[in-house]
PDB file of N, CA and C in Angstrom:
ATOM      1  N   MET A   1    -109.801 -22.353-187.599  1.00  0.00           N
ATOM      2  CA  MET A   1    -108.765 -21.373-187.335  1.00  0.00           C
ATOM      3  C   MET A   1    -107.812 -21.879-186.261  1.00  0.00           C
ATOM      4  N   LYS A   2    -108.364 -22.653-185.348  1.00  0.00           N
ATOM      5  CA  LYS A   2    -107.508 -23.206-184.292  1.00  0.00           C
ATOM      6  C   LYS A   2    -106.577 -24.275-184.846  1.00  0.00           C
ATOM      7  N   MET A   3    -107.015 -24.976-185.899  1.00  0.00           N
ATOM      8  CA  MET A   3    -106.201 -26.038-186.469  1.00  0.00           C
ATOM      9  C   MET A   3    -105.005 -25.486-187.256  1.00  0.00           C
ATOM     10  N   PHE A   4    -105.145 -24.267-187.819  1.00  0.00           N
ATOM     11  CA  PHE A   4    -104.085 -23.673-188.631  1.00  0.00           C
ATOM     12  C   PHE A   4    -103.753 -22.266-188.140  1.00  0.00           C
ATOM     13  N   PRO A   5    -103.141 -22.131-186.963  1.00  0.00           N
ATOM     14  CA  PRO A   5    -102.871 -20.797-186.417  1.00  0.00           C
ATOM     15  C   PRO A   5    -101.836 -20.010-187.227  1.00  0.00           C
ATOM     16  N   ASN A   6    -101.004 -20.681-187.986  1.00  0.00           N
ATOM     17  CA  ASN A   6     -99.981 -19.975-188.760  1.00  0.00           C
ATOM     18  C   ASN A   6    -100.521 -19.386-190.068  1.00  0.00           C
ATOM     19  N   LYS A   7    -101.768 -19.657-190.423  1.00  0.00           N
ATOM     20  CA  LYS A   7    -102.367 -19.145-191.658  1.00  0.00           C
ATOM     21  C   LYS A   7    -102.823 -17.688-191.530  1.00  0.00           C
ATOM     22  N   ASN A   8    -103.034 -17.196-190.315  1.00  0.00           N
ATOM     23  CA  ASN A   8    -103.510 -15.818-190.069  1.00  0.00           C
ATOM     24  C   ASN A   8    -104.821 -15.521-190.784  1.00  0.00           C
ATOM     25  N   TRP A   9    -105.743 -16.480-190.749  1.00  0.00           N
ATOM     26  CA  TRP A   9    -107.042 -16.293-191.357  1.00  0.00           C
ATOM     27  C   TRP A   9    -107.893 -15.387-190.488  1.00  0.00           C
ATOM     28  N   ILE A  10    -108.821 -14.674-191.116  1.00  0.00           N
ATOM     29  CA  ILE A  10    -109.763 -13.805-190.413  1.00  0.00           C
ATOM     30  C   ILE A  10    -111.098 -14.545-190.337  1.00  0.00           C
ATOM     31  N   LEU A  11    -111.767 -14.422-189.210  1.00  0.00           N
ATOM     32  CA  LEU A  11    -113.013 -15.153-188.986  1.00  0.00           C
ATOM     33  C   LEU A  11    -114.062 -14.811-190.043  1.00  0.00           C
ATOM     34  N   SER A  12    -114.198 -13.549-190.393  1.00  0.00           N
ATOM     35  CA  SER A  12    -115.207 -13.170-191.389  1.00  0.00           C
ATOM     36  C   SER A  12    -114.892 -13.780-192.757  1.00  0.00           C
ATOM     37  N   GLY A  13    -113.622 -13.909-193.103  1.00  0.00           N
ATOM     38  CA  GLY A  13    -113.244 -14.535-194.366  1.00  0.00           C
ATOM     39  C   GLY A  13    -113.576 -16.015-194.387  1.00  0.00           C
ATOM     40  N   VAL A  14    -113.341 -16.681-193.279  1.00  0.00           N
ATOM     41  CA  VAL A  14    -113.672 -18.105-193.177  1.00  0.00           C
ATOM     42  C   VAL A  14    -115.185 -18.296-193.266  1.00  0.00           C
ATOM     43  N   LYS A  15    -115.934 -17.438-192.603  1.00  0.00           N
ATOM     44  CA  LYS A  15    -117.400 -17.536-192.662  1.00  0.00           C
ATOM     45  C   LYS A  15    -117.909 -17.309-194.080  1.00  0.00           C
ATOM     46  N   THR A  16    -117.323 -16.358-194.794  1.00  0.00           N
ATOM     47  CA  THR A  16    -117.738 -16.081-196.168  1.00  0.00           C
ATOM     48  C   THR A  16    -117.522 -17.297-197.063  1.00  0.00           C
ATOM     49  N   VAL A  17    -116.373 -17.919-196.953  1.00  0.00           N
ATOM     50  CA  VAL A  17    -116.069 -19.103-197.762  1.00  0.00           C
ATOM     51  C   VAL A  17    -117.008 -20.244-197.402  1.00  0.00           C
ATOM     52  N   LEU A  18    -117.266 -20.444-196.135  1.00  0.00           N
ATOM     53  CA  LEU A  18    -118.156 -21.531-195.718  1.00  0.00           C
ATOM     54  C   LEU A  18    -119.593 -21.282-196.183  1.00  0.00           C
ATOM     55  N   ASN A  19    -120.068 -20.057-196.079  1.00  0.00           N
ATOM     56  CA  ASN A  19    -121.427 -19.732-196.536  1.00  0.00           C
ATOM     57  C   ASN A  19    -121.551 -19.934-198.044  1.00  0.00           C
ATOM     58  N   LYS A  20    -120.535 -19.532-198.784  1.00  0.00           N
ATOM     59  CA  LYS A  20    -120.561 -19.693-200.236  1.00  0.00           C
ATOM     60  C   LYS A  20    -120.578 -21.174-200.601  1.00  0.00           C
ATOM     61  N   GLU A  21    -119.790 -21.960-199.917  1.00  0.00           N
ATOM     62  CA  GLU A  21    -119.727 -23.399-200.190  1.00  0.00           C
ATOM     63  C   GLU A  21    -121.044 -24.072-199.818  1.00  0.00           C
ATOM     64  N   ASP A  22    -121.659 -23.637-198.723  1.00  0.00           N
ATOM     65  CA  ASP A  22    -122.947 -24.213-198.321  1.00  0.00           C
ATOM     66  C   ASP A  22    -124.039 -23.873-199.329  1.00  0.00           C
ATOM     67  N   GLY A  23    -124.009 -22.666-199.872  1.00  0.00           N
ATOM     68  CA  GLY A  23    -125.062 -22.225-200.780  1.00  0.00           C
ATOM     69  C   GLY A  23    -124.946 -22.779-202.183  1.00  0.00           C
ATOM     70  N   THR A  24    -123.737 -22.879-202.703  1.00  0.00           N
ATOM     71  CA  THR A  24    -123.562 -23.282-204.098  1.00  0.00           C
ATOM     72  C   THR A  24    -122.905 -24.648-204.264  1.00  0.00           C
ATOM     73  N   GLY A  25    -122.285 -25.149-203.226  1.00  0.00           N
ATOM     74  CA  GLY A  25    -121.587 -26.418-203.332  1.00  0.00           C
ATOM     75  C   GLY A  25    -120.165 -26.267-203.848  1.00  0.00           C
ATOM     76  N   SER A  26    -119.741 -25.033-204.073  1.00  0.00           N
ATOM     77  CA  SER A  26    -118.405 -24.780-204.590  1.00  0.00           C
ATOM     78  C   SER A  26    -117.949 -23.408-204.094  1.00  0.00           C
ATOM     79  N   ILE A  27    -116.648 -23.193-204.073  1.00  0.00           N
ATOM     80  CA  ILE A  27    -116.146 -21.876-203.681  1.00  0.00           C
ATOM     81  C   ILE A  27    -115.680 -21.073-204.895  1.00  0.00           C
ATOM     82  N   GLU A  28    -115.926 -21.608-206.107  1.00  0.00           N
ATOM     83  CA  GLU A  28    -115.546 -20.922-207.344  1.00  0.00           C
ATOM     84  C   GLU A  28    -116.521 -19.780-207.630  1.00  0.00           C
ATOM     85  N   ARG A  29    -116.034 -18.798-208.386  1.00  0.00           N
ATOM     86  CA  ARG A  29    -116.886 -17.686-208.796  1.00  0.00           C
ATOM     87  C   ARG A  29    -117.940 -18.168-209.768  1.00  0.00           C
ATOM     88  N   CYS A  30    -119.129 -17.575-209.698  1.00  0.00           N
ATOM     89  CA  CYS A  30    -120.172 -17.867-210.669  1.00  0.00           C
ATOM     90  C   CYS A  30    -119.778 -17.244-212.003  1.00  0.00           C
ATOM     91  N   SER A  31    -120.254 -17.810-213.094  1.00  0.00           N
ATOM     92  CA  SER A  31    -119.840 -17.353-214.417  1.00  0.00           C
ATOM     93  C   SER A  31    -120.311 -15.928-214.715  1.00  0.00           C
ATOM     94  N   ALA A  32    -121.455 -15.510-214.217  1.00  0.00           N
ATOM     95  CA  ALA A  32    -121.985 -14.187-214.537  1.00  0.00           C
ATOM     96  C   ALA A  32    -121.786 -13.184-213.408  1.00  0.00           C
ATOM     97  N   SER A  33    -120.960 -13.504-212.431  1.00  0.00           N
ATOM     98  CA  SER A  33    -120.765 -12.570-211.337  1.00  0.00           C
ATOM     99  C   SER A  33    -119.786 -11.480-211.757  1.00  0.00           C
ATOM    100  N   GLY A  34    -119.981 -10.317-211.222  1.00  0.00           N
ATOM    101  CA  GLY A  34    -119.103  -9.203-211.550  1.00  0.00           C
ATOM    102  C   GLY A  34    -119.780  -8.192-212.451  1.00  0.00           C
ATOM    103  N   ARG A  35    -119.065  -7.158-212.748  1.00  0.00           N
ATOM    104  CA  ARG A  35    -119.600  -6.063-213.534  1.00  0.00           C
ATOM    105  C   ARG A  35    -119.540  -6.388-215.030  1.00  0.00           C
ATOM    106  N   MET A  36    -120.588  -6.000-215.743  1.00  0.00           N
ATOM    107  CA  MET A  36    -120.627  -6.192-217.176  1.00  0.00           C
ATOM    108  C   MET A  36    -119.641  -5.228-217.840  1.00  0.00           C
ATOM    109  N   HIS A  37    -119.071  -5.616-218.943  1.00  0.00           N
ATOM    110  CA  HIS A  37    -118.167  -4.738-219.669  1.00  0.00           C
ATOM    111  C   HIS A  37    -118.625  -4.610-221.116  1.00  0.00           C
ATOM    112  N   MET A  38    -118.284  -3.499-221.707  1.00  0.00           N
ATOM    113  CA  MET A  38    -118.671  -3.236-223.082  1.00  0.00           C
ATOM    114  C   MET A  38    -117.540  -3.660-224.017  1.00  0.00           C
ATOM    115  N   ALA A  39    -117.908  -4.152-225.165  1.00  0.00           N
ATOM    116  CA  ALA A  39    -116.918  -4.531-226.166  1.00  0.00           C
ATOM    117  C   ALA A  39    -116.648  -3.339-227.069  1.00  0.00           C
ATOM    118  N   HIS A  40    -115.396  -3.053-227.295  1.00  0.00           N
ATOM    119  CA  HIS A  40    -114.999  -1.956-228.166  1.00  0.00           C
ATOM    120  C   HIS A  40    -114.591  -2.534-229.507  1.00  0.00           C
ATOM    121  N   SER A  41    -115.579  -2.784-230.347  1.00  0.00           N
ATOM    122  CA  SER A  41    -115.296  -3.322-231.665  1.00  0.00           C
ATOM    123  C   SER A  41    -115.294  -2.177-232.676  1.00  0.00           C
ATOM    124  N   PRO A  42    -114.696  -2.371-233.822  1.00  0.00           N
ATOM    125  CA  PRO A  42    -114.710  -1.310-234.839  1.00  0.00           C
ATOM    126  C   PRO A  42    -116.116  -0.876-235.234  1.00  0.00           C
ATOM    127  N   ALA A  43    -117.063  -1.817-235.235  1.00  0.00           N
ATOM    128  CA  ALA A  43    -118.439  -1.473-235.608  1.00  0.00           C
ATOM    129  C   ALA A  43    -119.082  -0.538-234.583  1.00  0.00           C
ATOM    130  N   THR A  44    -118.913  -0.827-233.288  1.00  0.00           N
ATOM    131  CA  THR A  44    -119.521   0.030-232.273  1.00  0.00           C
ATOM    132  C   THR A  44    -118.844   1.394-232.227  1.00  0.00           C
ATOM    133  N   ILE A  45    -117.547   1.442-232.457  1.00  0.00           N
ATOM    134  CA  ILE A  45    -116.841   2.722-232.480  1.00  0.00           C
ATOM    135  C   ILE A  45    -117.324   3.546-233.661  1.00  0.00           C
ATOM    136  N   SER A  46    -117.481   2.919-234.814  1.00  0.00           N
ATOM    137  CA  SER A  46    -117.951   3.620-236.007  1.00  0.00           C
ATOM    138  C   SER A  46    -119.366   4.151-235.812  1.00  0.00           C
ATOM    139  N   ASN A  47    -120.244   3.332-235.241  1.00  0.00           N
ATOM    140  CA  ASN A  47    -121.621   3.771-234.988  1.00  0.00           C
ATOM    141  C   ASN A  47    -121.662   4.955-234.042  1.00  0.00           C
ATOM    142  N   THR A  48    -120.843   4.935-233.004  1.00  0.00           N
ATOM    143  CA  THR A  48    -120.800   6.037-232.045  1.00  0.00           C
ATOM    144  C   THR A  48    -120.277   7.294-232.703  1.00  0.00           C
ATOM    145  N   GLN A  49    -119.249   7.178-233.518  1.00  0.00           N
ATOM    146  CA  GLN A  49    -118.729   8.350-234.224  1.00  0.00           C
ATOM    147  C   GLN A  49    -119.790   8.935-235.139  1.00  0.00           C
ATOM    148  N   ASP A  50    -120.539   8.089-235.827  1.00  0.00           N
ATOM    149  CA  ASP A  50    -121.607   8.580-236.704  1.00  0.00           C
ATOM    150  C   ASP A  50    -122.663   9.341-235.923  1.00  0.00           C
ATOM    151  N   LEU A  51    -123.034   8.831-234.752  1.00  0.00           N
ATOM    152  CA  LEU A  51    -124.037   9.515-233.934  1.00  0.00           C
ATOM    153  C   LEU A  51    -123.543  10.873-233.448  1.00  0.00           C
ATOM    154  N   VAL A  52    -122.306  10.931-233.027  1.00  0.00           N
ATOM    155  CA  VAL A  52    -121.760  12.177-232.495  1.00  0.00           C
ATOM    156  C   VAL A  52    -121.567  13.191-233.607  1.00  0.00           C
ATOM    157  N   LEU A  53    -120.999  12.769-234.714  1.00  0.00           N
ATOM    158  CA  LEU A  53    -120.699  13.697-235.802  1.00  0.00           C
ATOM    159  C   LEU A  53    -121.938  14.132-236.568  1.00  0.00           C
ATOM    160  N   SER A  54    -123.015  13.381-236.495  1.00  0.00           N
ATOM    161  CA  SER A  54    -124.233  13.755-237.209  1.00  0.00           C
ATOM    162  C   SER A  54    -124.897  14.980-236.595  1.00  0.00           C
ATOM    163  N   GLN A  55    -124.457  15.405-235.433  1.00  0.00           N
ATOM    164  CA  GLN A  55    -125.070  16.544-234.751  1.00  0.00           C
ATOM    165  C   GLN A  55    -124.358  17.858-235.043  1.00  0.00           C
ATOM    166  N   GLU A  56    -123.239  17.847-235.741  1.00  0.00           N
ATOM    167  CA  GLU A  56    -122.455  19.058-235.932  1.00  0.00           C
ATOM    168  C   GLU A  56    -123.171  20.109-236.765  1.00  0.00           C
ATOM    169  N   ASP A  57    -123.956  19.714-237.765  1.00  0.00           N
ATOM    170  CA  ASP A  57    -124.622  20.679-238.624  1.00  0.00           C
ATOM    171  C   ASP A  57    -126.033  21.020-238.150  1.00  0.00           C
ATOM    172  N   LYS A  58    -126.426  20.541-236.990  1.00  0.00           N
ATOM    173  CA  LYS A  58    -127.758  20.798-236.442  1.00  0.00           C
ATOM    174  C   LYS A  58    -127.612  21.466-235.078  1.00  0.00           C
ATOM    175  N   PRO A  59    -127.541  22.781-235.038  1.00  0.00           N
ATOM    176  CA  PRO A  59    -127.370  23.444-233.744  1.00  0.00           C
ATOM    177  C   PRO A  59    -128.591  23.258-232.845  1.00  0.00           C
ATOM    178  N   LYS A  60    -128.325  23.193-231.558  1.00  0.00           N
ATOM    179  CA  LYS A  60    -129.338  23.051-230.499  1.00  0.00           C
ATOM    180  C   LYS A  60    -130.120  21.745-230.581  1.00  0.00           C
ATOM    181  N   THR A  61    -129.633  20.762-231.300  1.00  0.00           N
ATOM    182  CA  THR A  61    -130.248  19.433-231.301  1.00  0.00           C
ATOM    183  C   THR A  61    -129.142  18.436-230.979  1.00  0.00           C
ATOM    184  N   HIS A  62    -128.889  18.264-229.721  1.00  0.00           N
ATOM    185  CA  HIS A  62    -127.814  17.373-229.314  1.00  0.00           C
ATOM    186  C   HIS A  62    -128.370  16.199-228.523  1.00  0.00           C
ATOM    187  N   SER A  63    -127.626  15.153-228.512  1.00  0.00           N
ATOM    188  CA  SER A  63    -127.949  13.980-227.698  1.00  0.00           C
ATOM    189  C   SER A  63    -126.980  13.946-226.529  1.00  0.00           C
ATOM    190  N   SER A  64    -127.478  13.530-225.391  1.00  0.00           N
ATOM    191  CA  SER A  64    -126.612  13.398-224.235  1.00  0.00           C
ATOM    192  C   SER A  64    -125.718  12.174-224.398  1.00  0.00           C
ATOM    193  N   GLN A  65    -124.709  12.071-223.569  1.00  0.00           N
ATOM    194  CA  GLN A  65    -123.833  10.907-223.620  1.00  0.00           C
ATOM    195  C   GLN A  65    -124.610   9.633-223.345  1.00  0.00           C
ATOM    196  N   GLN A  66    -125.588   9.710-222.445  1.00  0.00           N
ATOM    197  CA  GLN A  66    -126.389   8.522-222.115  1.00  0.00           C
ATOM    198  C   GLN A  66    -127.246   8.110-223.310  1.00  0.00           C
ATOM    199  N   GLN A  67    -127.788   9.092-224.049  1.00  0.00           N
ATOM    200  CA  GLN A  67    -128.598   8.754-225.236  1.00  0.00           C
ATOM    201  C   GLN A  67    -127.733   8.117-226.308  1.00  0.00           C
ATOM    202  N   ILE A  68    -126.532   8.630-226.510  1.00  0.00           N
ATOM    203  CA  ILE A  68    -125.637   8.042-227.493  1.00  0.00           C
ATOM    204  C   ILE A  68    -125.235   6.640-227.068  1.00  0.00           C
ATOM    205  N   TYR A  69    -125.030   6.446-225.784  1.00  0.00           N
ATOM    206  CA  TYR A  69    -124.662   5.135-225.249  1.00  0.00           C
ATOM    207  C   TYR A  69    -125.745   4.092-225.574  1.00  0.00           C
ATOM    208  N   ARG A  70    -126.999   4.497-225.405  1.00  0.00           N
ATOM    209  CA  ARG A  70    -128.115   3.572-225.683  1.00  0.00           C
ATOM    210  C   ARG A  70    -128.162   3.257-227.158  1.00  0.00           C
TER     211      ARG A  70
END
Protein backbone atom coordinates (compact mmCIF):
# COMPACT_ATOMS: atom_id res chain seq x y z
CA MET A 1 0.00 0.00 0.00
CA LYS A 2 2.92 2.29 0.66
CA MET A 3 4.33 1.58 -2.80
CA PHE A 4 1.08 2.64 -4.56
CA PRO A 5 -0.54 5.42 -2.49
CA ASN A 6 -2.57 6.69 -5.46
CA LYS A 7 -4.45 3.35 -5.79
CA ASN A 8 -6.58 3.97 -2.63
CA TRP A 9 -6.48 0.29 -1.71
CA ILE A 10 -8.03 -0.89 1.55
CA LEU A 11 -5.93 -3.06 3.86
CA SER A 12 -8.62 -5.73 4.25
CA GLY A 13 -8.93 -6.02 0.46
CA VAL A 14 -5.19 -6.47 0.06
CA LYS A 15 -5.17 -9.12 2.80
CA THR A 16 -8.04 -10.98 1.12
CA VAL A 17 -6.23 -11.11 -2.22
CA LEU A 18 -2.98 -12.22 -0.59
CA ASN A 19 -4.70 -14.95 1.46
CA LYS A 20 -6.50 -16.23 -1.63
CA GLU A 21 -3.26 -16.30 -3.62
CA ASP A 22 -1.43 -18.09 -0.80
CA GLY A 23 -4.16 -20.72 -0.49
CA THR A 24 -4.86 -21.51 -4.13
CA GLY A 25 -1.89 -20.15 -6.03
CA SER A 26 -4.16 -17.89 -8.06
CA ILE A 27 -6.49 -14.95 -7.50
CA GLU A 28 -9.07 -16.24 -10.03
CA ARG A 29 -12.49 -17.44 -8.94
CA CYS A 30 -12.94 -21.17 -8.45
CA SER A 31 -15.14 -22.81 -11.07
CA ALA A 32 -17.83 -23.96 -8.61
CA SER A 33 -17.89 -20.90 -6.38
CA GLY A 34 -21.09 -18.96 -6.08
CA ARG A 35 -24.74 -19.78 -5.89
CA MET A 36 -26.22 -22.61 -7.92
CA HIS A 37 -28.85 -21.65 -10.48
CA MET A 38 -31.70 -23.59 -11.97
CA ALA A 39 -32.11 -24.09 -15.69
CA HIS A 40 -35.46 -23.07 -17.13
CA SER A 41 -35.83 -25.49 -20.00
CA PRO A 42 -39.12 -26.30 -21.74
CA ALA A 43 -39.04 -29.79 -20.21
CA THR A 44 -38.75 -28.56 -16.61
CA ILE A 45 -41.43 -25.93 -17.17
CA SER A 46 -43.76 -28.55 -18.65
CA ASN A 47 -43.14 -30.96 -15.76
CA THR A 48 -43.86 -28.23 -13.21
CA GLN A 49 -47.07 -27.23 -14.97
CA ASP A 50 -48.19 -30.87 -14.98
CA LEU A 51 -47.56 -31.16 -11.24
CA VAL A 52 -49.43 -27.97 -10.42
CA LEU A 53 -52.37 -28.57 -12.73
CA SER A 54 -52.80 -32.20 -11.67
CA GLN A 55 -54.07 -30.97 -8.30
CA GLU A 56 -57.04 -28.95 -9.58
CA ASP A 57 -59.54 -31.84 -9.56
CA LYS A 58 -58.40 -33.19 -6.17
CA PRO A 59 -59.53 -30.87 -3.39
CA LYS A 60 -57.54 -30.80 -0.14
CA THR A 61 -54.64 -32.73 -1.69
CA HIS A 62 -52.09 -30.10 -2.54
CA SER A 63 -48.34 -30.05 -2.74
CA SER A 64 -46.34 -27.21 -1.30
CA GLN A 65 -44.06 -25.13 -3.50
CA GLN A 66 -41.06 -26.90 -1.97
CA GLN A 67 -42.53 -30.34 -2.81
CA ILE A 68 -43.17 -29.29 -6.39
CA TYR A 69 -39.64 -27.89 -6.58
CA ARG A 70 -38.19 -31.27 -5.56
